[in-house]
Amino acid sequence: MSSTNTASDELRQILAEIFSDDDNFPGIESVRNLLTKVSEALRYELLSAITDDYRTTVLTEAARRGHAELCVTLLSSLPSADRLKLILVDQFTALHWAALRGHTETVSGILNCLTADQQLQLLFTQDSNGNTALHWAALGGLTETVKTLLDKLTPEQQLHLLSVKNEEGKTALHDAAREGHTETVKILLDNLTPEQQLKLLAVQNDEGMTASQVASGLSGNKTEKILEQYRIEADHGVNYREFAEFTQSLNRNKNFN
């Protein structure tokens, strides 16, 4: 048996441990060493073939479990063109899982392994229900993960991503508003221009409801007020939230003196 075949078999065995229920974590150094012994031409074929009973790749499972270093190690071993290809083997991608679970370091690691164009393609990738990774992070109110997903995008690109609808016509803003995630709502809107904010706030789901209207139908949901403030500010060019904070600061200083 050749050394390449031996390395391939050992790599299959050690990476398969990621699928075990006891959350074993393959030793990174062992994985790196074995990857160097497998020809570059065979790495993609090997990594895409190591799956569980549900045909989930080892990369996707590593992302689901938040093993950022393993994800980066696997992707970095491949030529640039094969990295996104491996991620897209699963429709519910490694990025979707990392975003859903709030594994911000893993989200960052995956994106940093890709070119700018590949990052865009992956961020706009939708699962079988039409959800992007941003949809899942927003739904969970995972603010740091949301920040990371938006971090490398221009305001125009952010608007395009935020305008993506799932099969129910919901944007990431609809999801965050429905769950009452006020801080997430702010993050989704803060980097947009007033004109872009108005466009996003006007987007309706399949029931003809904006994010604000979705929030208004839920008892105790405070996001409706936040969204309405953004709409008024964008419409009139006045940041009432900053003005209110400034007024409160003046009052505190006055009381202190």
C-alpha atoms as a PDB file:
ATOM      1  CA  MET A   1       0.000   0.000   0.000  1.00  0.00           C
ATOM      2  CA  SER A   2       1.366   3.434  -0.943  1.00  0.00           C
ATOM      3  CA  SER A   3       2.059   6.118   1.644  1.00  0.00           C
ATOM      4  CA  THR A   4      -0.644   8.285   0.015  1.00  0.00           C
ATOM      5  CA  ASN A   5      -3.269   5.566   0.454  1.00  0.00           C
ATOM      6  CA  THR A   6      -2.174   5.028   4.033  1.00  0.00           C
ATOM      7  CA  ALA A   7      -2.410   8.752   4.770  1.00  0.00           C
ATOM      8  CA  SER A   8      -5.841   8.891   3.123  1.00  0.00           C
ATOM      9  CA  ASP A   9      -7.121   6.009   5.225  1.00  0.00           C
ATOM     10  CA  GLU A  10      -5.721   7.519   8.418  1.00  0.00           C
ATOM     11  CA  LEU A  11      -7.233  10.885   7.567  1.00  0.00           C
ATOM     12  CA  ARG A  12     -10.629   9.305   6.912  1.00  0.00           C
ATOM     13  CA  GLN A  13     -10.458   7.546  10.251  1.00  0.00           C
ATOM     14  CA  ILE A  14      -9.446  10.549  12.341  1.00  0.00           C
ATOM     15  CA  LEU A  15     -11.905  12.950  10.680  1.00  0.00           C
ATOM     16  CA  ALA A  16     -14.761  10.469  11.032  1.00  0.00           C
ATOM     17  CA  GLU A  17     -14.432  10.953  14.797  1.00  0.00           C
ATOM     18  CA  ILE A  18     -16.094  14.361  14.416  1.00  0.00           C
ATOM     19  CA  PHE A  19     -19.405  12.581  13.806  1.00  0.00           C
ATOM     20  CA  SER A  20     -19.294  10.699  17.127  1.00  0.00           C
ATOM     21  CA  ASP A  21     -21.788  11.581  19.858  1.00  0.00           C
ATOM     22  CA  ASP A  22     -19.107  12.205  22.489  1.00  0.00           C
ATOM     23  CA  ASP A  23     -17.934  15.348  20.680  1.00  0.00           C
ATOM     24  CA  ASN A  24     -14.401  14.103  20.164  1.00  0.00           C
ATOM     25  CA  PHE A  25     -12.202  16.659  18.487  1.00  0.00           C
ATOM     26  CA  PRO A  26      -9.586  15.393  16.036  1.00  0.00           C
ATOM     27  CA  GLY A  27      -6.088  16.606  16.830  1.00  0.00           C
ATOM     28  CA  ILE A  28      -5.374  19.554  14.541  1.00  0.00           C
ATOM     29  CA  GLU A  29      -1.694  18.772  14.164  1.00  0.00           C
ATOM     30  CA  SER A  30      -2.464  15.186  13.159  1.00  0.00           C
ATOM     31  CA  VAL A  31      -4.981  16.401  10.587  1.00  0.00           C
ATOM     32  CA  ARG A  32      -2.539  18.948   9.160  1.00  0.00           C
ATOM     33  CA  ASN A  33       0.225  16.380   8.945  1.00  0.00           C
ATOM     34  CA  LEU A  34      -1.959  13.851   7.144  1.00  0.00           C
ATOM     35  CA  LEU A  35      -3.297  16.471   4.733  1.00  0.00           C
ATOM     36  CA  THR A  36       0.236  17.248   3.591  1.00  0.00           C
ATOM     37  CA  LYS A  37       0.710  13.562   2.729  1.00  0.00           C
ATOM     38  CA  VAL A  38      -2.360  13.510   0.498  1.00  0.00           C
ATOM     39  CA  SER A  39      -1.920  15.029  -2.939  1.00  0.00           C
ATOM     40  CA  GLU A  40      -3.649  18.353  -3.469  1.00  0.00           C
ATOM     41  CA  ALA A  41      -5.605  16.831  -6.334  1.00  0.00           C
ATOM     42  CA  LEU A  42      -7.110  14.209  -4.004  1.00  0.00           C
ATOM     43  CA  ARG A  43      -7.896  16.415  -1.009  1.00  0.00           C
ATOM     44  CA  TYR A  44     -11.204  17.760  -2.286  1.00  0.00           C
ATOM     45  CA  GLU A  45     -12.375  14.305  -3.323  1.00  0.00           C
ATOM     46  CA  LEU A  46     -11.438  12.953   0.093  1.00  0.00           C
ATOM     47  CA  LEU A  47     -12.941  15.748   2.178  1.00  0.00           C
ATOM     48  CA  SER A  48     -16.187  15.780   0.220  1.00  0.00           C
ATOM     49  CA  ALA A  49     -16.515  12.011   0.586  1.00  0.00           C
ATOM     50  CA  ILE A  50     -16.200  11.817   4.376  1.00  0.00           C
ATOM     51  CA  THR A  51     -19.837  12.068   5.452  1.00  0.00           C
ATOM     52  CA  ASP A  52     -22.266  10.752   8.042  1.00  0.00           C
ATOM     53  CA  ASP A  53     -25.480   8.829   7.391  1.00  0.00           C
ATOM     54  CA  TYR A  54     -27.197  12.065   6.340  1.00  0.00           C
ATOM     55  CA  ARG A  55     -24.485  12.848   3.765  1.00  0.00           C
ATOM     56  CA  THR A  56     -23.229  15.744   5.874  1.00  0.00           C
ATOM     57  CA  THR A  57     -19.585  16.536   5.152  1.00  0.00           C
ATOM     58  CA  VAL A  58     -16.975  16.655   7.891  1.00  0.00           C
ATOM     59  CA  LEU A  59     -16.535  20.387   7.243  1.00  0.00           C
ATOM     60  CA  THR A  60     -20.219  21.055   7.862  1.00  0.00           C
ATOM     61  CA  GLU A  61     -20.228  18.922  11.011  1.00  0.00           C
ATOM     62  CA  ALA A  62     -17.136  20.725  12.312  1.00  0.00           C
ATOM     63  CA  ALA A  63     -18.884  24.054  11.747  1.00  0.00           C
ATOM     64  CA  ARG A  64     -22.050  22.826  13.455  1.00  0.00           C
ATOM     65  CA  ARG A  65     -19.992  21.959  16.514  1.00  0.00           C
ATOM     66  CA  GLY A  66     -18.066  25.218  16.443  1.00  0.00           C
ATOM     67  CA  HIS A  67     -14.653  23.750  15.658  1.00  0.00           C
ATOM     68  CA  ALA A  68     -13.326  26.886  13.971  1.00  0.00           C
ATOM     69  CA  GLU A  69      -9.703  25.767  13.784  1.00  0.00           C
ATOM     70  CA  LEU A  70     -10.614  22.484  12.124  1.00  0.00           C
ATOM     71  CA  CYS A  71     -12.798  24.280   9.558  1.00  0.00           C
ATOM     72  CA  VAL A  72      -9.955  26.650   8.691  1.00  0.00           C
ATOM     73  CA  THR A  73      -7.466  23.785   8.517  1.00  0.00           C
ATOM     74  CA  LEU A  74      -9.624  21.792   6.109  1.00  0.00           C
ATOM     75  CA  LEU A  75     -10.439  24.747   3.855  1.00  0.00           C
ATOM     76  CA  SER A  76      -6.894  26.079   3.833  1.00  0.00           C
ATOM     77  CA  SER A  77      -5.593  22.740   2.592  1.00  0.00           C
ATOM     78  CA  LEU A  78      -7.547  23.172  -0.658  1.00  0.00           C
ATOM     79  CA  PRO A  79      -6.916  25.384  -3.675  1.00  0.00           C
ATOM     80  CA  SER A  80      -9.044  28.533  -3.568  1.00  0.00           C
ATOM     81  CA  ALA A  81     -11.446  27.273  -6.250  1.00  0.00           C
ATOM     82  CA  ASP A  82     -12.218  24.107  -4.260  1.00  0.00           C
ATOM     83  CA  ARG A  83     -12.949  25.818  -0.945  1.00  0.00           C
ATOM     84  CA  LEU A  84     -16.356  27.204  -1.821  1.00  0.00           C
ATOM     85  CA  LYS A  85     -17.082  24.053  -3.796  1.00  0.00           C
ATOM     86  CA  LEU A  86     -16.609  21.966  -0.635  1.00  0.00           C
ATOM     87  CA  ILE A  87     -18.779  24.299   1.447  1.00  0.00           C
ATOM     88  CA  LEU A  88     -21.596  24.096  -1.108  1.00  0.00           C
ATOM     89  CA  VAL A  89     -21.701  20.286  -1.095  1.00  0.00           C
ATOM     90  CA  ASP A  90     -24.309  20.667   1.666  1.00  0.00           C
ATOM     91  CA  GLN A  91     -27.254  22.947   0.905  1.00  0.00           C
ATOM     92  CA  PHE A  92     -27.445  23.751   4.606  1.00  0.00           C
ATOM     93  CA  THR A  93     -23.858  24.838   4.516  1.00  0.00           C
ATOM     94  CA  ALA A  94     -21.139  25.057   7.131  1.00  0.00           C
ATOM     95  CA  LEU A  95     -21.808  28.804   7.280  1.00  0.00           C
ATOM     96  CA  HIS A  96     -25.529  28.218   7.899  1.00  0.00           C
ATOM     97  CA  TRP A  97     -24.758  25.891  10.808  1.00  0.00           C
ATOM     98  CA  ALA A  98     -22.161  28.200  12.336  1.00  0.00           C
ATOM     99  CA  ALA A  99     -24.562  31.144  12.083  1.00  0.00           C
ATOM    100  CA  LEU A 100     -27.490  29.169  13.503  1.00  0.00           C
ATOM    101  CA  ARG A 101     -25.425  28.048  16.485  1.00  0.00           C
ATOM    102  CA  GLY A 102     -23.837  31.456  17.050  1.00  0.00           C
ATOM    103  CA  HIS A 103     -20.312  30.173  16.452  1.00  0.00           C
ATOM    104  CA  THR A 104     -18.951  33.588  15.511  1.00  0.00           C
ATOM    105  CA  GLU A 105     -15.301  32.514  15.363  1.00  0.00           C
ATOM    106  CA  THR A 106     -16.239  29.719  12.989  1.00  0.00           C
ATOM    107  CA  VAL A 107     -18.235  32.097  10.785  1.00  0.00           C
ATOM    108  CA  SER A 108     -15.245  34.429  10.625  1.00  0.00           C
ATOM    109  CA  GLY A 109     -12.816  31.601   9.902  1.00  0.00           C
ATOM    110  CA  ILE A 110     -14.885  30.228   7.032  1.00  0.00           C
ATOM    111  CA  LEU A 111     -15.346  33.609   5.396  1.00  0.00           C
ATOM    112  CA  ASN A 112     -11.671  34.503   5.762  1.00  0.00           C
ATOM    113  CA  CYS A 113     -10.711  31.391   3.788  1.00  0.00           C
ATOM    114  CA  LEU A 114     -12.589  32.700   0.746  1.00  0.00           C
ATOM    115  CA  THR A 115     -12.041  35.414  -1.814  1.00  0.00           C
ATOM    116  CA  ALA A 116     -14.308  38.483  -1.734  1.00  0.00           C
ATOM    117  CA  ASP A 117     -16.413  37.120  -4.611  1.00  0.00           C
ATOM    118  CA  GLN A 118     -16.711  33.728  -2.931  1.00  0.00           C
ATOM    119  CA  GLN A 119     -17.747  35.369   0.322  1.00  0.00           C
ATOM    120  CA  LEU A 120     -20.566  37.152  -1.455  1.00  0.00           C
ATOM    121  CA  GLN A 121     -21.744  33.977  -3.143  1.00  0.00           C
ATOM    122  CA  LEU A 122     -21.773  32.093   0.145  1.00  0.00           C
ATOM    123  CA  LEU A 123     -23.513  34.865   2.082  1.00  0.00           C
ATOM    124  CA  PHE A 124     -26.298  34.899  -0.512  1.00  0.00           C
ATOM    125  CA  THR A 125     -26.608  31.089  -0.559  1.00  0.00           C
ATOM    126  CA  GLN A 126     -30.063  29.953   0.579  1.00  0.00           C
ATOM    127  CA  ASP A 127     -30.976  26.657   2.204  1.00  0.00           C
ATOM    128  CA  SER A 128     -33.952  24.514   1.175  1.00  0.00           C
ATOM    129  CA  ASN A 129     -36.317  26.951   2.931  1.00  0.00           C
ATOM    130  CA  GLY A 130     -34.742  29.989   1.330  1.00  0.00           C
ATOM    131  CA  ASN A 131     -32.870  31.119   4.430  1.00  0.00           C
ATOM    132  CA  THR A 132     -29.416  32.660   4.260  1.00  0.00           C
ATOM    133  CA  ALA A 133     -26.940  32.330   7.127  1.00  0.00           C
ATOM    134  CA  LEU A 134     -27.952  35.869   8.102  1.00  0.00           C
ATOM    135  CA  HIS A 135     -31.587  34.785   8.447  1.00  0.00           C
ATOM    136  CA  TRP A 136     -30.571  32.185  11.044  1.00  0.00           C
ATOM    137  CA  ALA A 137     -28.312  34.506  13.018  1.00  0.00           C
ATOM    138  CA  ALA A 138     -30.985  37.230  13.044  1.00  0.00           C
ATOM    139  CA  LEU A 139     -33.696  34.772  14.080  1.00  0.00           C
ATOM    140  CA  GLY A 140     -31.617  33.765  17.078  1.00  0.00           C
ATOM    141  CA  GLY A 141     -30.722  37.330  18.025  1.00  0.00           C
ATOM    142  CA  LEU A 142     -27.041  36.432  17.731  1.00  0.00           C
ATOM    143  CA  THR A 143     -25.705  39.958  17.491  1.00  0.00           C
ATOM    144  CA  GLU A 144     -21.977  39.221  17.258  1.00  0.00           C
ATOM    145  CA  THR A 145     -22.578  36.638  14.567  1.00  0.00           C
ATOM    146  CA  VAL A 146     -24.769  39.086  12.642  1.00  0.00           C
ATOM    147  CA  LYS A 147     -22.020  41.707  12.866  1.00  0.00           C
ATOM    148  CA  THR A 148     -19.471  39.256  11.482  1.00  0.00           C
ATOM    149  CA  LEU A 149     -21.705  38.240   8.582  1.00  0.00           C
ATOM    150  CA  LEU A 150     -22.191  41.884   7.596  1.00  0.00           C
ATOM    151  CA  ASP A 151     -18.702  43.096   8.406  1.00  0.00           C
ATOM    152  CA  LYS A 152     -17.086  42.781   4.983  1.00  0.00           C
ATOM    153  CA  LEU A 153     -20.022  44.166   2.999  1.00  0.00           C
ATOM    154  CA  THR A 154     -20.617  47.670   1.732  1.00  0.00           C
ATOM    155  CA  PRO A 155     -23.933  49.332   2.710  1.00  0.00           C
ATOM    156  CA  GLU A 156     -25.267  48.545  -0.773  1.00  0.00           C
ATOM    157  CA  GLN A 157     -24.275  44.885  -0.466  1.00  0.00           C
ATOM    158  CA  GLN A 158     -25.780  44.775   3.017  1.00  0.00           C
ATOM    159  CA  LEU A 159     -29.066  46.108   1.670  1.00  0.00           C
ATOM    160  CA  HIS A 160     -29.119  43.445  -1.033  1.00  0.00           C
ATOM    161  CA  LEU A 161     -28.434  40.677   1.489  1.00  0.00           C
ATOM    162  CA  LEU A 162     -30.977  42.051   3.944  1.00  0.00           C
ATOM    163  CA  SER A 163     -33.561  42.151   1.147  1.00  0.00           C
ATOM    164  CA  VAL A 164     -33.256  38.410   0.430  1.00  0.00           C
ATOM    165  CA  LYS A 165     -36.525  36.655   1.239  1.00  0.00           C
ATOM    166  CA  ASN A 166     -37.028  33.065   2.313  1.00  0.00           C
ATOM    167  CA  GLU A 167     -39.903  30.878   1.117  1.00  0.00           C
ATOM    168  CA  GLU A 168     -42.316  32.760   3.388  1.00  0.00           C
ATOM    169  CA  GLY A 169     -41.189  36.085   2.008  1.00  0.00           C
ATOM    170  CA  LYS A 170     -39.378  36.976   5.230  1.00  0.00           C
ATOM    171  CA  THR A 171     -36.132  38.919   5.374  1.00  0.00           C
ATOM    172  CA  ALA A 172     -33.612  38.662   8.195  1.00  0.00           C
ATOM    173  CA  LEU A 173     -35.157  41.866   9.572  1.00  0.00           C
ATOM    174  CA  HIS A 174     -38.599  40.227   9.662  1.00  0.00           C
ATOM    175  CA  ASP A 175     -37.133  37.334  11.663  1.00  0.00           C
ATOM    176  CA  ALA A 176     -35.324  39.550  14.177  1.00  0.00           C
ATOM    177  CA  ALA A 177     -38.389  41.772  14.593  1.00  0.00           C
ATOM    178  CA  ARG A 178     -40.721  38.828  15.096  1.00  0.00           C
ATOM    179  CA  GLU A 179     -38.554  37.467  17.900  1.00  0.00           C
ATOM    180  CA  GLY A 180     -38.160  40.858  19.591  1.00  0.00           C
ATOM    181  CA  HIS A 181     -34.391  41.058  19.135  1.00  0.00           C
ATOM    182  CA  THR A 182     -34.015  44.826  19.406  1.00  0.00           C
ATOM    183  CA  GLU A 183     -30.203  44.894  19.416  1.00  0.00           C
ATOM    184  CA  THR A 184     -30.088  42.694  16.327  1.00  0.00           C
ATOM    185  CA  VAL A 185     -32.593  44.956  14.593  1.00  0.00           C
ATOM    186  CA  LYS A 186     -30.337  47.936  15.286  1.00  0.00           C
ATOM    187  CA  ILE A 187     -27.280  46.154  13.869  1.00  0.00           C
ATOM    188  CA  LEU A 188     -29.171  45.219  10.717  1.00  0.00           C
ATOM    189  CA  LEU A 189     -30.138  48.831  10.096  1.00  0.00           C
ATOM    190  CA  ASP A 190     -27.327  50.959  11.510  1.00  0.00           C
ATOM    191  CA  ASN A 191     -24.868  50.690   8.606  1.00  0.00           C
ATOM    192  CA  LEU A 192     -27.450  51.601   5.968  1.00  0.00           C
ATOM    193  CA  THR A 193     -28.093  55.068   4.631  1.00  0.00           C
ATOM    194  CA  PRO A 194     -31.483  56.647   5.488  1.00  0.00           C
ATOM    195  CA  GLU A 195     -32.712  55.907   1.964  1.00  0.00           C
ATOM    196  CA  GLN A 196     -31.625  52.272   2.253  1.00  0.00           C
ATOM    197  CA  GLN A 197     -33.262  51.971   5.669  1.00  0.00           C
ATOM    198  CA  LEU A 198     -36.562  53.171   4.245  1.00  0.00           C
ATOM    199  CA  LYS A 199     -36.321  50.631   1.415  1.00  0.00           C
ATOM    200  CA  LEU A 200     -35.686  47.772   3.817  1.00  0.00           C
ATOM    201  CA  LEU A 201     -38.349  48.860   6.281  1.00  0.00           C
ATOM    202  CA  ALA A 202     -40.889  48.870   3.430  1.00  0.00           C
ATOM    203  CA  VAL A 203     -40.196  45.263   2.371  1.00  0.00           C
ATOM    204  CA  GLN A 204     -43.256  43.056   2.886  1.00  0.00           C
ATOM    205  CA  ASN A 205     -43.434  39.323   3.512  1.00  0.00           C
ATOM    206  CA  ASP A 206     -45.856  37.011   1.693  1.00  0.00           C
ATOM    207  CA  GLU A 207     -48.645  38.159   4.010  1.00  0.00           C
ATOM    208  CA  GLY A 208     -48.087  41.772   3.003  1.00  0.00           C
ATOM    209  CA  MET A 209     -46.523  42.728   6.335  1.00  0.00           C
ATOM    210  CA  THR A 210     -43.421  44.824   6.966  1.00  0.00           C
ATOM    211  CA  ALA A 211     -41.031  43.971   9.794  1.00  0.00           C
ATOM    212  CA  SER A 212     -42.663  46.653  11.951  1.00  0.00           C
ATOM    213  CA  GLN A 213     -46.104  45.196  11.316  1.00  0.00           C
ATOM    214  CA  VAL A 214     -44.851  41.713  12.190  1.00  0.00           C
ATOM    215  CA  ALA A 215     -43.521  43.048  15.487  1.00  0.00           C
ATOM    216  CA  SER A 216     -46.727  44.947  16.259  1.00  0.00           C
ATOM    217  CA  GLY A 217     -48.757  41.764  16.291  1.00  0.00           C
ATOM    218  CA  LEU A 218     -46.831  40.267  19.202  1.00  0.00           C
ATOM    219  CA  SER A 219     -47.540  41.220  22.809  1.00  0.00           C
ATOM    220  CA  GLY A 220     -44.582  42.732  24.637  1.00  0.00           C
ATOM    221  CA  ASN A 221     -42.474  43.017  21.490  1.00  0.00           C
ATOM    222  CA  LYS A 222     -40.462  46.239  21.781  1.00  0.00           C
ATOM    223  CA  THR A 223     -38.974  46.135  18.309  1.00  0.00           C
ATOM    224  CA  GLU A 224     -41.996  47.840  16.738  1.00  0.00           C
ATOM    225  CA  LYS A 225     -41.104  51.081  18.532  1.00  0.00           C
ATOM    226  CA  ILE A 226     -37.452  50.788  17.503  1.00  0.00           C
ATOM    227  CA  LEU A 227     -38.377  50.187  13.866  1.00  0.00           C
ATOM    228  CA  GLU A 228     -40.780  53.102  13.858  1.00  0.00           C
ATOM    229  CA  GLN A 229     -38.046  55.350  15.242  1.00  0.00           C
ATOM    230  CA  TYR A 230     -35.720  54.288  12.444  1.00  0.00           C
ATOM    231  CA  ARG A 231     -38.429  54.985   9.868  1.00  0.00           C
ATOM    232  CA  ILE A 232     -39.136  58.463  11.229  1.00  0.00           C
ATOM    233  CA  GLU A 233     -35.451  59.316  11.508  1.00  0.00           C
ATOM    234  CA  ALA A 234     -34.687  58.096   8.006  1.00  0.00           C
ATOM    235  CA  ASP A 235     -37.681  59.970   6.641  1.00  0.00           C
ATOM    236  CA  HIS A 236     -36.801  63.261   8.345  1.00  0.00           C
ATOM    237  CA  GLY A 237     -33.021  63.014   8.632  1.00  0.00           C
ATOM    238  CA  VAL A 238     -33.086  63.372  12.419  1.00  0.00           C
ATOM    239  CA  ASN A 239     -31.618  60.876  14.874  1.00  0.00           C
ATOM    240  CA  TYR A 240     -34.122  61.076  17.700  1.00  0.00           C
ATOM    241  CA  ARG A 241     -32.411  58.282  19.615  1.00  0.00           C
ATOM    242  CA  GLU A 242     -29.119  60.197  19.806  1.00  0.00           C
ATOM    243  CA  PHE A 243     -31.006  63.384  20.687  1.00  0.00           C
ATOM    244  CA  ALA A 244     -32.834  61.586  23.506  1.00  0.00           C
ATOM    245  CA  GLU A 245     -29.551  60.223  24.863  1.00  0.00           C
ATOM    246  CA  PHE A 246     -28.011  63.719  24.705  1.00  0.00           C
ATOM    247  CA  THR A 247     -31.000  65.223  26.565  1.00  0.00           C
ATOM    248  CA  GLN A 248     -30.799  62.536  29.234  1.00  0.00           C
ATOM    249  CA  SER A 249     -27.095  63.248  29.649  1.00  0.00           C
ATOM    250  CA  LEU A 250     -27.766  66.970  30.115  1.00  0.00           C
ATOM    251  CA  ASN A 251     -30.434  66.216  32.707  1.00  0.00           C
ATOM    252  CA  ARG A 252     -28.089  63.915  34.612  1.00  0.00           C
ATOM    253  CA  ASN A 253     -25.380  66.574  34.662  1.00  0.00           C
ATOM    254  CA  LYS A 254     -27.899  69.192  35.791  1.00  0.00           C
ATOM    255  CA  ASN A 255     -29.081  66.996  38.648  1.00  0.00           C
ATOM    256  CA  PHE A 256     -25.501  66.216  39.627  1.00  0.00           C
ATOM    257  CA  ASN A 257     -24.592  69.902  39.794  1.00  0.00           C
END
